[in-house]
């Protein structure tokens, strides 16, 4: 299939532009997990919060968008399972499921499927739609991560929101803005070939 055919085909995501094979899919899933683990190491502590700012969520949402719902979910499942099994690639080089921030990892699993599904509907092809996709994906991460933080850390809902959501909103806006440029630009470059 030529690049032009894949680009024009409804329901395609960026990963579909590569020649189809099981090897491709396995490599993409493992590569997405590795990228998420690598980006999790870009970590900055947030004063008053047990949750650091990382590149992990951005990577997880890009992986879901670029790979599609199924491969994106599988990629984040590999990331989560390997981290639970002891691979030190969660934020700040941690592993296991005991961290109060583990709910964000679970949220990323769901978010990768949501943004991947939206990408199959063309949400990654224009800046405005990509921004909306990223914001929705981030909302899914918080919808799981913040309640998990409250339960795991014994916080009230308002304390969990103050520690696990509010400090991250500006960074999330920047991530959405970055994604607004990255994926639509990738599609434009591919369509010119």
N, C-alpha and C. Protein backbone atom coordinates (compact mmCIF):
# COMPACT_ATOMS: atom_id res chain seq x y z
N UNK A 1 0.85 -1.16 0.00
CA UNK A 1 0.00 0.00 0.00
C UNK A 1 0.89 1.22 0.00
N UNK A 2 0.58 2.16 -0.85
CA UNK A 2 1.39 3.37 -0.90
C UNK A 2 1.02 4.29 0.25
N UNK A 3 1.91 5.23 0.54
CA UNK A 3 1.66 6.20 1.60
C UNK A 3 0.41 7.01 1.30
N UNK A 4 0.23 7.39 0.05
CA UNK A 4 -0.94 8.18 -0.31
C UNK A 4 -2.23 7.41 -0.05
N UNK A 5 -2.22 6.10 -0.34
CA UNK A 5 -3.40 5.29 -0.08
C UNK A 5 -3.69 5.21 1.40
N UNK A 6 -2.66 4.99 2.21
CA UNK A 6 -2.86 4.90 3.66
C UNK A 6 -3.33 6.23 4.22
N UNK A 7 -2.80 7.32 3.68
CA UNK A 7 -3.18 8.64 4.17
C UNK A 7 -4.64 8.91 3.87
N UNK A 8 -5.09 8.52 2.69
CA UNK A 8 -6.46 8.82 2.28
C UNK A 8 -7.47 7.87 2.92
N UNK A 9 -7.03 6.70 3.34
CA UNK A 9 -7.94 5.71 3.89
C UNK A 9 -8.52 6.17 5.22
N UNK A 10 -9.83 6.22 5.32
CA UNK A 10 -10.43 6.58 6.61
C UNK A 10 -10.07 5.54 7.67
N UNK A 11 -9.87 6.01 8.88
CA UNK A 11 -9.56 5.10 9.98
C UNK A 11 -8.09 4.79 10.15
N UNK A 12 -7.22 5.40 9.35
CA UNK A 12 -5.78 5.15 9.47
C UNK A 12 -5.19 6.02 10.57
N UNK A 13 -4.21 5.48 11.26
CA UNK A 13 -3.38 6.24 12.18
C UNK A 13 -1.96 6.23 11.62
N UNK A 14 -1.09 7.04 12.19
CA UNK A 14 0.26 7.13 11.64
C UNK A 14 0.96 5.78 11.54
N UNK A 15 0.79 4.92 12.52
CA UNK A 15 1.45 3.61 12.50
C UNK A 15 1.00 2.76 11.31
N UNK A 16 -0.19 3.00 10.81
CA UNK A 16 -0.70 2.22 9.67
C UNK A 16 0.04 2.54 8.38
N UNK A 17 0.84 3.58 8.37
CA UNK A 17 1.59 3.94 7.17
C UNK A 17 2.80 3.04 6.96
N UNK A 18 3.20 2.33 8.01
CA UNK A 18 4.30 1.37 7.90
C UNK A 18 3.77 0.07 7.32
N UNK A 19 4.60 -0.68 6.60
CA UNK A 19 4.13 -1.96 6.04
C UNK A 19 3.58 -2.87 7.14
N UNK A 20 2.40 -3.41 6.90
CA UNK A 20 1.71 -4.22 7.91
C UNK A 20 2.37 -5.58 8.11
N UNK A 21 2.57 -5.92 9.38
CA UNK A 21 3.05 -7.25 9.74
C UNK A 21 2.93 -7.39 11.25
N UNK A 22 2.99 -8.62 11.72
CA UNK A 22 2.98 -8.84 13.17
C UNK A 22 4.25 -8.29 13.80
N UNK A 23 5.36 -8.39 13.09
CA UNK A 23 6.62 -7.87 13.60
C UNK A 23 6.50 -6.36 13.79
N UNK A 24 5.90 -5.67 12.84
CA UNK A 24 5.69 -4.23 12.96
C UNK A 24 4.87 -3.93 14.21
N UNK A 25 3.76 -4.64 14.38
CA UNK A 25 2.88 -4.37 15.51
C UNK A 25 3.58 -4.62 16.85
N UNK A 26 4.33 -5.72 16.95
CA UNK A 26 5.07 -6.02 18.19
C UNK A 26 6.11 -4.94 18.44
N UNK A 27 6.83 -4.54 17.40
CA UNK A 27 7.86 -3.50 17.55
C UNK A 27 7.23 -2.17 17.98
N UNK A 28 6.09 -1.83 17.40
CA UNK A 28 5.42 -0.59 17.78
C UNK A 28 4.94 -0.63 19.22
N UNK A 29 4.36 -1.74 19.64
CA UNK A 29 3.87 -1.88 21.01
C UNK A 29 5.04 -1.78 22.00
N UNK A 30 6.11 -2.52 21.74
CA UNK A 30 7.27 -2.48 22.64
C UNK A 30 7.95 -1.11 22.60
N UNK A 31 8.02 -0.53 21.42
CA UNK A 31 8.62 0.80 21.30
C UNK A 31 7.81 1.86 22.04
N UNK A 32 6.49 1.75 21.98
CA UNK A 32 5.63 2.69 22.71
C UNK A 32 5.80 2.56 24.21
N UNK A 33 5.92 1.33 24.68
CA UNK A 33 6.16 1.10 26.11
C UNK A 33 7.51 1.70 26.52
N UNK A 34 8.53 1.46 25.71
CA UNK A 34 9.87 1.97 26.02
C UNK A 34 9.89 3.51 26.00
N UNK A 35 9.22 4.11 25.02
CA UNK A 35 9.15 5.57 24.96
C UNK A 35 8.48 6.14 26.21
N UNK A 36 7.40 5.51 26.63
CA UNK A 36 6.70 5.97 27.83
C UNK A 36 7.61 5.85 29.05
N UNK A 37 8.31 4.73 29.17
CA UNK A 37 9.24 4.55 30.28
C UNK A 37 10.38 5.55 30.26
N UNK A 38 10.89 5.85 29.09
CA UNK A 38 11.96 6.83 28.96
C UNK A 38 11.47 8.23 29.33
N UNK A 39 10.30 8.59 28.84
CA UNK A 39 9.75 9.92 29.12
C UNK A 39 9.36 10.07 30.59
N UNK A 40 9.07 8.97 31.26
CA UNK A 40 8.75 9.03 32.69
C UNK A 40 9.96 9.47 33.50
N UNK A 41 11.15 9.29 32.93
CA UNK A 41 12.36 9.67 33.65
C UNK A 41 12.60 11.18 33.59
N UNK A 42 11.92 11.86 32.70
CA UNK A 42 11.94 13.32 32.69
C UNK A 42 10.96 13.74 33.79
N UNK A 43 11.47 13.93 34.96
CA UNK A 43 10.63 14.08 36.14
C UNK A 43 11.08 15.27 36.99
N UNK A 44 10.10 16.08 37.38
CA UNK A 44 10.36 17.24 38.24
C UNK A 44 9.42 17.15 39.43
N UNK A 45 9.97 17.10 40.66
CA UNK A 45 9.09 17.06 41.84
C UNK A 45 8.23 18.31 41.94
N UNK A 46 7.03 18.14 42.44
CA UNK A 46 6.10 19.25 42.66
C UNK A 46 5.99 19.46 44.17
N UNK A 47 6.37 20.62 44.66
CA UNK A 47 6.27 20.87 46.10
C UNK A 47 4.84 20.65 46.61
N UNK A 48 4.71 19.88 47.68
CA UNK A 48 3.41 19.61 48.27
C UNK A 48 2.62 18.51 47.60
N UNK A 49 3.22 17.84 46.62
CA UNK A 49 2.51 16.77 45.92
C UNK A 49 3.39 15.52 45.85
N UNK A 50 2.80 14.34 46.05
CA UNK A 50 3.58 13.11 45.88
C UNK A 50 3.70 12.69 44.42
N UNK A 51 3.13 13.48 43.52
CA UNK A 51 3.13 13.17 42.09
C UNK A 51 4.03 14.18 41.38
N UNK A 52 5.08 13.71 40.68
CA UNK A 52 5.94 14.64 39.96
C UNK A 52 5.38 14.98 38.57
N UNK A 53 5.87 16.04 38.00
CA UNK A 53 5.60 16.36 36.60
C UNK A 53 6.55 15.49 35.78
N UNK A 54 6.03 14.78 34.80
CA UNK A 54 6.87 13.93 33.95
C UNK A 54 6.45 14.07 32.49
N UNK A 55 7.23 13.47 31.64
CA UNK A 55 6.87 13.38 30.22
C UNK A 55 6.05 12.14 29.93
N UNK A 56 5.76 11.37 30.95
CA UNK A 56 5.09 10.07 30.83
C UNK A 56 3.69 10.19 30.21
N UNK A 57 2.88 11.10 30.70
CA UNK A 57 1.53 11.24 30.18
C UNK A 57 1.55 11.68 28.72
N UNK A 58 2.42 12.63 28.41
CA UNK A 58 2.54 13.10 27.04
C UNK A 58 2.90 11.94 26.11
N UNK A 59 3.87 11.13 26.52
CA UNK A 59 4.28 9.97 25.72
C UNK A 59 3.13 8.99 25.57
N UNK A 60 2.43 8.71 26.66
CA UNK A 60 1.33 7.74 26.60
C UNK A 60 0.24 8.20 25.64
N UNK A 61 -0.06 9.49 25.65
CA UNK A 61 -1.10 10.00 24.75
C UNK A 61 -0.63 10.03 23.30
N UNK A 62 0.64 10.35 23.09
CA UNK A 62 1.17 10.29 21.73
C UNK A 62 1.21 8.86 21.21
N UNK A 63 1.59 7.93 22.07
CA UNK A 63 1.62 6.51 21.68
C UNK A 63 0.22 6.06 21.29
N UNK A 64 -0.77 6.37 22.10
CA UNK A 64 -2.14 5.99 21.78
C UNK A 64 -2.61 6.60 20.47
N UNK A 65 -2.30 7.87 20.27
CA UNK A 65 -2.73 8.56 19.06
C UNK A 65 -2.03 8.02 17.82
N UNK A 66 -0.73 7.82 17.91
CA UNK A 66 0.02 7.37 16.74
C UNK A 66 -0.21 5.90 16.41
N UNK A 67 -0.46 5.07 17.44
CA UNK A 67 -0.61 3.63 17.20
C UNK A 67 -2.05 3.18 17.05
N UNK A 68 -2.99 3.98 17.50
CA UNK A 68 -4.39 3.57 17.48
C UNK A 68 -4.76 2.93 18.81
N UNK A 69 -6.05 2.74 19.01
CA UNK A 69 -6.57 2.30 20.31
C UNK A 69 -6.00 0.95 20.76
N UNK A 70 -6.02 -0.03 19.90
CA UNK A 70 -5.60 -1.37 20.31
C UNK A 70 -4.11 -1.44 20.60
N UNK A 71 -3.29 -1.01 19.65
CA UNK A 71 -1.84 -1.07 19.87
C UNK A 71 -1.41 -0.11 20.98
N UNK A 72 -2.07 1.05 21.07
CA UNK A 72 -1.76 1.99 22.14
C UNK A 72 -2.06 1.41 23.50
N UNK A 73 -3.23 0.78 23.64
CA UNK A 73 -3.59 0.15 24.91
C UNK A 73 -2.61 -0.96 25.25
N UNK A 74 -2.28 -1.80 24.27
CA UNK A 74 -1.32 -2.89 24.51
C UNK A 74 0.04 -2.35 24.92
N UNK A 75 0.47 -1.27 24.29
CA UNK A 75 1.75 -0.66 24.62
C UNK A 75 1.77 -0.19 26.07
N UNK A 76 0.69 0.48 26.50
CA UNK A 76 0.63 0.95 27.88
C UNK A 76 0.42 -0.19 28.85
N UNK A 77 -0.21 -1.27 28.40
CA UNK A 77 -0.34 -2.45 29.25
C UNK A 77 1.02 -3.09 29.49
N UNK A 78 1.84 -3.17 28.43
CA UNK A 78 3.21 -3.69 28.59
C UNK A 78 3.99 -2.80 29.55
N UNK A 79 3.85 -1.50 29.37
CA UNK A 79 4.54 -0.54 30.25
C UNK A 79 4.12 -0.76 31.71
N UNK A 80 2.81 -0.84 31.95
CA UNK A 80 2.30 -1.00 33.32
C UNK A 80 2.71 -2.35 33.91
N UNK A 81 2.54 -3.42 33.15
CA UNK A 81 2.87 -4.75 33.67
C UNK A 81 4.36 -4.91 33.94
N UNK A 82 5.19 -4.39 33.05
CA UNK A 82 6.64 -4.47 33.27
C UNK A 82 7.04 -3.65 34.49
N UNK A 83 6.42 -2.49 34.66
CA UNK A 83 6.72 -1.67 35.83
C UNK A 83 6.28 -2.33 37.12
N UNK A 84 5.12 -2.97 37.09
CA UNK A 84 4.65 -3.70 38.28
C UNK A 84 5.58 -4.88 38.57
N UNK A 85 6.10 -5.50 37.52
CA UNK A 85 7.00 -6.64 37.68
C UNK A 85 8.40 -6.25 38.14
N UNK A 86 8.70 -4.95 38.16
CA UNK A 86 9.99 -4.52 38.70
C UNK A 86 10.87 -3.70 37.78
N UNK A 87 10.48 -3.51 36.52
CA UNK A 87 11.28 -2.66 35.64
C UNK A 87 11.18 -1.22 36.18
N UNK A 88 12.31 -0.60 36.51
CA UNK A 88 12.27 0.72 37.15
C UNK A 88 12.05 1.86 36.15
N UNK A 89 10.91 1.87 35.49
CA UNK A 89 10.69 2.90 34.48
C UNK A 89 9.42 3.71 34.71
N UNK A 90 8.87 3.64 35.91
CA UNK A 90 7.84 4.59 36.27
C UNK A 90 8.54 5.90 36.65
N UNK A 91 7.77 6.92 36.97
CA UNK A 91 8.35 8.23 37.30
C UNK A 91 9.43 8.09 38.36
N UNK A 92 10.52 8.81 38.15
CA UNK A 92 11.66 8.84 39.06
C UNK A 92 12.32 7.48 39.24
N UNK A 93 12.25 6.62 38.22
CA UNK A 93 12.92 5.32 38.26
C UNK A 93 12.32 4.33 39.23
N UNK A 94 11.04 4.48 39.54
CA UNK A 94 10.38 3.56 40.46
C UNK A 94 9.71 2.42 39.70
N UNK A 95 9.24 1.45 40.46
CA UNK A 95 8.49 0.33 39.89
C UNK A 95 7.50 -0.15 40.94
N UNK A 96 6.65 -1.08 40.55
CA UNK A 96 5.67 -1.64 41.48
C UNK A 96 4.36 -0.87 41.47
N UNK A 97 3.39 -1.42 42.16
CA UNK A 97 2.05 -0.81 42.16
C UNK A 97 1.73 -0.14 43.49
N UNK A 98 2.70 -0.03 44.39
CA UNK A 98 2.44 0.53 45.71
C UNK A 98 2.44 2.06 45.73
N UNK A 99 2.99 2.70 44.73
CA UNK A 99 3.07 4.17 44.73
C UNK A 99 1.68 4.79 44.67
N UNK A 100 1.52 5.91 45.35
CA UNK A 100 0.22 6.59 45.35
C UNK A 100 -0.10 7.16 43.97
N UNK A 101 0.90 7.25 43.12
CA UNK A 101 0.69 7.77 41.76
C UNK A 101 0.39 6.67 40.74
N UNK A 102 0.28 5.42 41.18
CA UNK A 102 0.04 4.32 40.23
C UNK A 102 -1.30 4.47 39.50
N UNK A 103 -2.25 5.14 40.09
CA UNK A 103 -3.53 5.36 39.42
C UNK A 103 -3.39 6.13 38.12
N UNK A 104 -2.39 7.00 38.04
CA UNK A 104 -2.15 7.74 36.81
C UNK A 104 -1.70 6.78 35.69
N UNK A 105 -0.92 5.78 36.05
CA UNK A 105 -0.50 4.77 35.06
C UNK A 105 -1.73 4.03 34.55
N UNK A 106 -2.63 3.65 35.46
CA UNK A 106 -3.86 2.98 35.04
C UNK A 106 -4.71 3.89 34.16
N UNK A 107 -4.76 5.16 34.52
CA UNK A 107 -5.49 6.13 33.70
C UNK A 107 -4.91 6.26 32.31
N UNK A 108 -3.57 6.16 32.21
CA UNK A 108 -2.92 6.23 30.90
C UNK A 108 -3.31 5.07 30.01
N UNK A 109 -3.53 3.91 30.61
CA UNK A 109 -4.00 2.75 29.84
C UNK A 109 -5.31 3.09 29.13
N UNK A 110 -6.26 3.59 29.90
CA UNK A 110 -7.56 3.94 29.32
C UNK A 110 -7.44 5.10 28.34
N UNK A 111 -6.67 6.11 28.72
CA UNK A 111 -6.53 7.29 27.88
C UNK A 111 -5.91 6.95 26.52
N UNK A 112 -4.94 6.03 26.51
CA UNK A 112 -4.32 5.66 25.24
C UNK A 112 -5.35 5.05 24.29
N UNK A 113 -6.28 4.28 24.83
CA UNK A 113 -7.33 3.69 23.99
C UNK A 113 -8.30 4.77 23.51
N UNK A 114 -8.63 5.71 24.37
CA UNK A 114 -9.56 6.79 23.99
C UNK A 114 -8.96 7.65 22.89
N UNK A 115 -7.72 8.12 23.08
CA UNK A 115 -7.14 8.99 22.06
C UNK A 115 -6.84 8.22 20.78
N UNK A 116 -6.50 6.93 20.91
CA UNK A 116 -6.28 6.11 19.72
C UNK A 116 -7.54 5.93 18.91
N UNK A 117 -8.66 5.77 19.61
CA UNK A 117 -9.95 5.66 18.92
C UNK A 117 -10.31 6.98 18.22
N UNK A 118 -10.04 8.08 18.87
CA UNK A 118 -10.31 9.38 18.25
C UNK A 118 -9.39 9.62 17.06
N UNK A 119 -8.15 9.18 17.15
CA UNK A 119 -7.22 9.34 16.03
C UNK A 119 -7.71 8.56 14.81
N UNK A 120 -8.30 7.41 15.03
CA UNK A 120 -8.85 6.64 13.91
C UNK A 120 -10.01 7.37 13.23
N UNK A 121 -10.55 8.35 13.93
CA UNK A 121 -11.63 9.17 13.36
C UNK A 121 -11.09 10.51 12.84
N UNK A 122 -9.76 10.62 12.76
CA UNK A 122 -9.13 11.80 12.18
C UNK A 122 -8.83 12.92 13.15
N UNK A 123 -8.91 12.67 14.45
CA UNK A 123 -8.70 13.73 15.44
C UNK A 123 -7.25 14.19 15.52
N UNK A 124 -6.34 13.46 14.92
CA UNK A 124 -4.92 13.83 14.97
C UNK A 124 -4.47 14.60 13.74
N UNK A 125 -5.41 15.01 12.91
CA UNK A 125 -5.02 15.62 11.64
C UNK A 125 -5.14 17.13 11.60
N UNK A 126 -5.78 17.72 12.59
CA UNK A 126 -5.85 19.18 12.64
C UNK A 126 -5.44 19.65 14.04
N UNK A 127 -4.82 20.81 14.13
CA UNK A 127 -4.36 21.29 15.44
C UNK A 127 -5.49 21.41 16.48
N UNK A 128 -6.61 21.96 16.11
CA UNK A 128 -7.69 22.15 17.07
C UNK A 128 -8.25 20.82 17.57
N UNK A 129 -8.48 19.88 16.66
CA UNK A 129 -8.99 18.57 17.07
C UNK A 129 -7.95 17.81 17.90
N UNK A 130 -6.67 17.99 17.57
CA UNK A 130 -5.62 17.32 18.34
C UNK A 130 -5.57 17.88 19.75
N UNK A 131 -5.74 19.18 19.91
CA UNK A 131 -5.76 19.78 21.25
C UNK A 131 -6.91 19.20 22.06
N UNK A 132 -8.08 19.09 21.45
CA UNK A 132 -9.23 18.51 22.15
C UNK A 132 -8.99 17.05 22.52
N UNK A 133 -8.34 16.32 21.64
CA UNK A 133 -8.02 14.92 21.90
C UNK A 133 -7.07 14.79 23.10
N UNK A 134 -6.05 15.62 23.12
CA UNK A 134 -5.10 15.58 24.24
C UNK A 134 -5.78 15.97 25.55
N UNK A 135 -6.61 16.98 25.52
CA UNK A 135 -7.29 17.42 26.74
C UNK A 135 -8.21 16.32 27.26
N UNK A 136 -8.92 15.67 26.35
CA UNK A 136 -9.79 14.56 26.76
C UNK A 136 -8.95 13.41 27.33
N UNK A 137 -7.84 13.09 26.69
CA UNK A 137 -6.95 12.04 27.19
C UNK A 137 -6.42 12.36 28.58
N UNK A 138 -6.01 13.61 28.77
CA UNK A 138 -5.52 14.02 30.09
C UNK A 138 -6.64 13.94 31.13
N UNK A 139 -7.86 14.30 30.74
CA UNK A 139 -9.00 14.21 31.67
C UNK A 139 -9.23 12.77 32.10
N UNK A 140 -9.07 11.82 31.18
CA UNK A 140 -9.23 10.41 31.52
C UNK A 140 -8.15 9.99 32.52
N UNK A 141 -6.91 10.43 32.29
CA UNK A 141 -5.83 10.10 33.22
C UNK A 141 -6.17 10.61 34.62
N UNK A 142 -6.63 11.85 34.70
CA UNK A 142 -6.98 12.42 36.01
C UNK A 142 -8.21 11.75 36.63
N UNK A 143 -9.15 11.34 35.81
CA UNK A 143 -10.37 10.71 36.33
C UNK A 143 -10.05 9.41 37.06
N UNK A 144 -8.96 8.76 36.71
CA UNK A 144 -8.52 7.56 37.41
C UNK A 144 -7.45 7.91 38.45
N UNK A 145 -6.49 8.74 38.07
CA UNK A 145 -5.35 9.02 38.93
C UNK A 145 -5.68 9.78 40.20
N UNK A 146 -6.54 10.79 40.12
CA UNK A 146 -6.83 11.61 41.30
C UNK A 146 -7.61 10.81 42.36
N UNK A 147 -8.67 10.08 42.01
CA UNK A 147 -9.34 9.27 43.04
C UNK A 147 -8.42 8.19 43.63
N UNK A 148 -7.57 7.60 42.79
CA UNK A 148 -6.61 6.60 43.28
C UNK A 148 -5.66 7.26 44.28
N UNK A 149 -5.18 8.45 43.95
CA UNK A 149 -4.30 9.20 44.86
C UNK A 149 -5.00 9.46 46.19
N UNK A 150 -6.26 9.88 46.13
CA UNK A 150 -7.02 10.15 47.36
C UNK A 150 -7.11 8.90 48.23
N UNK A 151 -7.44 7.77 47.61
CA UNK A 151 -7.57 6.52 48.37
C UNK A 151 -6.22 6.03 48.88
N UNK A 152 -5.22 6.01 48.02
CA UNK A 152 -3.91 5.46 48.38
C UNK A 152 -3.19 6.31 49.42
N UNK A 153 -3.39 7.63 49.35
CA UNK A 153 -2.69 8.52 50.27
C UNK A 153 -3.56 8.94 51.45
N UNK A 154 -4.80 8.48 51.48
CA UNK A 154 -5.70 8.86 52.56
C UNK A 154 -6.04 10.33 52.55
N UNK A 155 -6.16 10.90 51.36
CA UNK A 155 -6.48 12.32 51.21
C UNK A 155 -7.96 12.53 51.00
N UNK A 156 -8.43 13.71 51.33
CA UNK A 156 -9.79 14.09 50.95
C UNK A 156 -9.80 14.36 49.46
N UNK A 157 -10.99 14.42 48.89
CA UNK A 157 -11.09 14.69 47.45
C UNK A 157 -10.48 16.05 47.11
N UNK A 158 -10.74 17.05 47.92
CA UNK A 158 -10.20 18.38 47.64
C UNK A 158 -8.67 18.41 47.77
N UNK A 159 -8.13 17.69 48.74
CA UNK A 159 -6.67 17.62 48.89
C UNK A 159 -6.04 16.88 47.71
N UNK A 160 -6.69 15.82 47.24
CA UNK A 160 -6.17 15.07 46.09
C UNK A 160 -6.20 15.93 44.82
N UNK A 161 -7.25 16.72 44.67
CA UNK A 161 -7.33 17.63 43.51
C UNK A 161 -6.24 18.68 43.60
N UNK A 162 -6.03 19.21 44.80
CA UNK A 162 -5.00 20.24 44.99
C UNK A 162 -3.60 19.69 44.77
N UNK A 163 -3.37 18.43 45.13
CA UNK A 163 -2.04 17.85 45.00
C UNK A 163 -1.83 17.10 43.70
N UNK A 164 -2.90 16.55 43.12
CA UNK A 164 -2.75 15.67 41.98
C UNK A 164 -3.36 16.15 40.68
N UNK A 165 -3.94 17.35 40.67
CA UNK A 165 -4.54 17.88 39.44
C UNK A 165 -4.12 19.33 39.20
N UNK A 166 -4.44 20.19 40.13
CA UNK A 166 -4.24 21.63 39.95
C UNK A 166 -2.81 22.00 39.56
N UNK A 167 -1.77 21.45 40.20
CA UNK A 167 -0.40 21.87 39.83
C UNK A 167 0.01 21.48 38.41
N UNK A 168 -0.76 20.62 37.78
CA UNK A 168 -0.36 20.07 36.48
C UNK A 168 -1.08 20.71 35.29
N UNK A 169 -2.04 21.57 35.54
CA UNK A 169 -2.88 22.10 34.47
C UNK A 169 -2.09 22.94 33.46
N UNK A 170 -1.18 23.75 33.91
CA UNK A 170 -0.39 24.57 32.98
C UNK A 170 0.49 23.67 32.10
N UNK A 171 1.12 22.70 32.72
CA UNK A 171 1.95 21.75 31.95
C UNK A 171 1.12 20.97 30.94
N UNK A 172 -0.10 20.60 31.34
CA UNK A 172 -0.96 19.87 30.41
C UNK A 172 -1.37 20.74 29.23
N UNK A 173 -1.59 22.02 29.49
CA UNK A 173 -1.90 22.94 28.38
C UNK A 173 -0.73 23.02 27.42
N UNK A 174 0.49 23.05 27.96
CA UNK A 174 1.68 23.08 27.10
C UNK A 174 1.82 21.78 26.30
N UNK A 175 1.53 20.65 26.95
CA UNK A 175 1.59 19.36 26.24
C UNK A 175 0.57 19.31 25.11
N UNK A 176 -0.63 19.82 25.37
CA UNK A 176 -1.67 19.86 24.33
C UNK A 176 -1.22 20.74 23.17
N UNK A 177 -0.60 21.88 23.49
CA UNK A 177 -0.11 22.78 22.45
C UNK A 177 0.98 22.12 21.62
N UNK A 178 1.87 21.39 22.29
CA UNK A 178 2.93 20.68 21.56
C UNK A 178 2.33 19.62 20.64
N UNK A 179 1.38 18.87 21.15
CA UNK A 179 0.73 17.84 20.32
C UNK A 179 -0.02 18.45 19.15
N UNK A 180 -0.56 19.66 19.36
CA UNK A 180 -1.26 20.35 18.27
C UNK A 180 -0.35 20.55 17.07
N UNK A 181 0.94 20.69 17.34
CA UNK A 181 1.88 20.87 16.25
C UNK A 181 2.46 19.58 15.73
N UNK A 182 2.75 18.64 16.61
CA UNK A 182 3.49 17.44 16.23
C UNK A 182 2.70 16.53 15.29
N UNK A 183 1.55 16.05 15.71
CA UNK A 183 0.84 15.05 14.91
C UNK A 183 0.23 15.61 13.63
N UNK A 184 -0.45 16.75 13.65
CA UNK A 184 -0.94 17.28 12.37
C UNK A 184 0.20 17.57 11.39
N UNK A 185 1.34 18.02 11.91
CA UNK A 185 2.49 18.27 11.04
C UNK A 185 3.01 16.96 10.45
N UNK A 186 3.04 15.91 11.26
CA UNK A 186 3.47 14.60 10.74
C UNK A 186 2.56 14.15 9.60
N UNK A 187 1.26 14.33 9.76
CA UNK A 187 0.33 13.95 8.69
C UNK A 187 0.57 14.80 7.43
N UNK A 188 0.83 16.09 7.61
CA UNK A 188 1.09 16.94 6.44
C UNK A 188 2.36 16.50 5.72
N UNK A 189 3.39 16.17 6.47
CA UNK A 189 4.64 15.71 5.86
C UNK A 189 4.44 14.41 5.10
N UNK A 190 3.69 13.51 5.68
CA UNK A 190 3.43 12.22 5.04
C UNK A 190 2.61 12.39 3.77
N UNK A 191 1.63 13.28 3.82
CA UNK A 191 0.75 13.45 2.65
C UNK A 191 1.47 14.11 1.49
N UNK A 192 2.58 14.80 1.77
CA UNK A 192 3.36 15.44 0.70
C UNK A 192 4.25 14.46 -0.04
N UNK A 193 4.48 13.29 0.58
CA UNK A 193 5.37 12.31 -0.02
C UNK A 193 4.71 11.52 -1.10
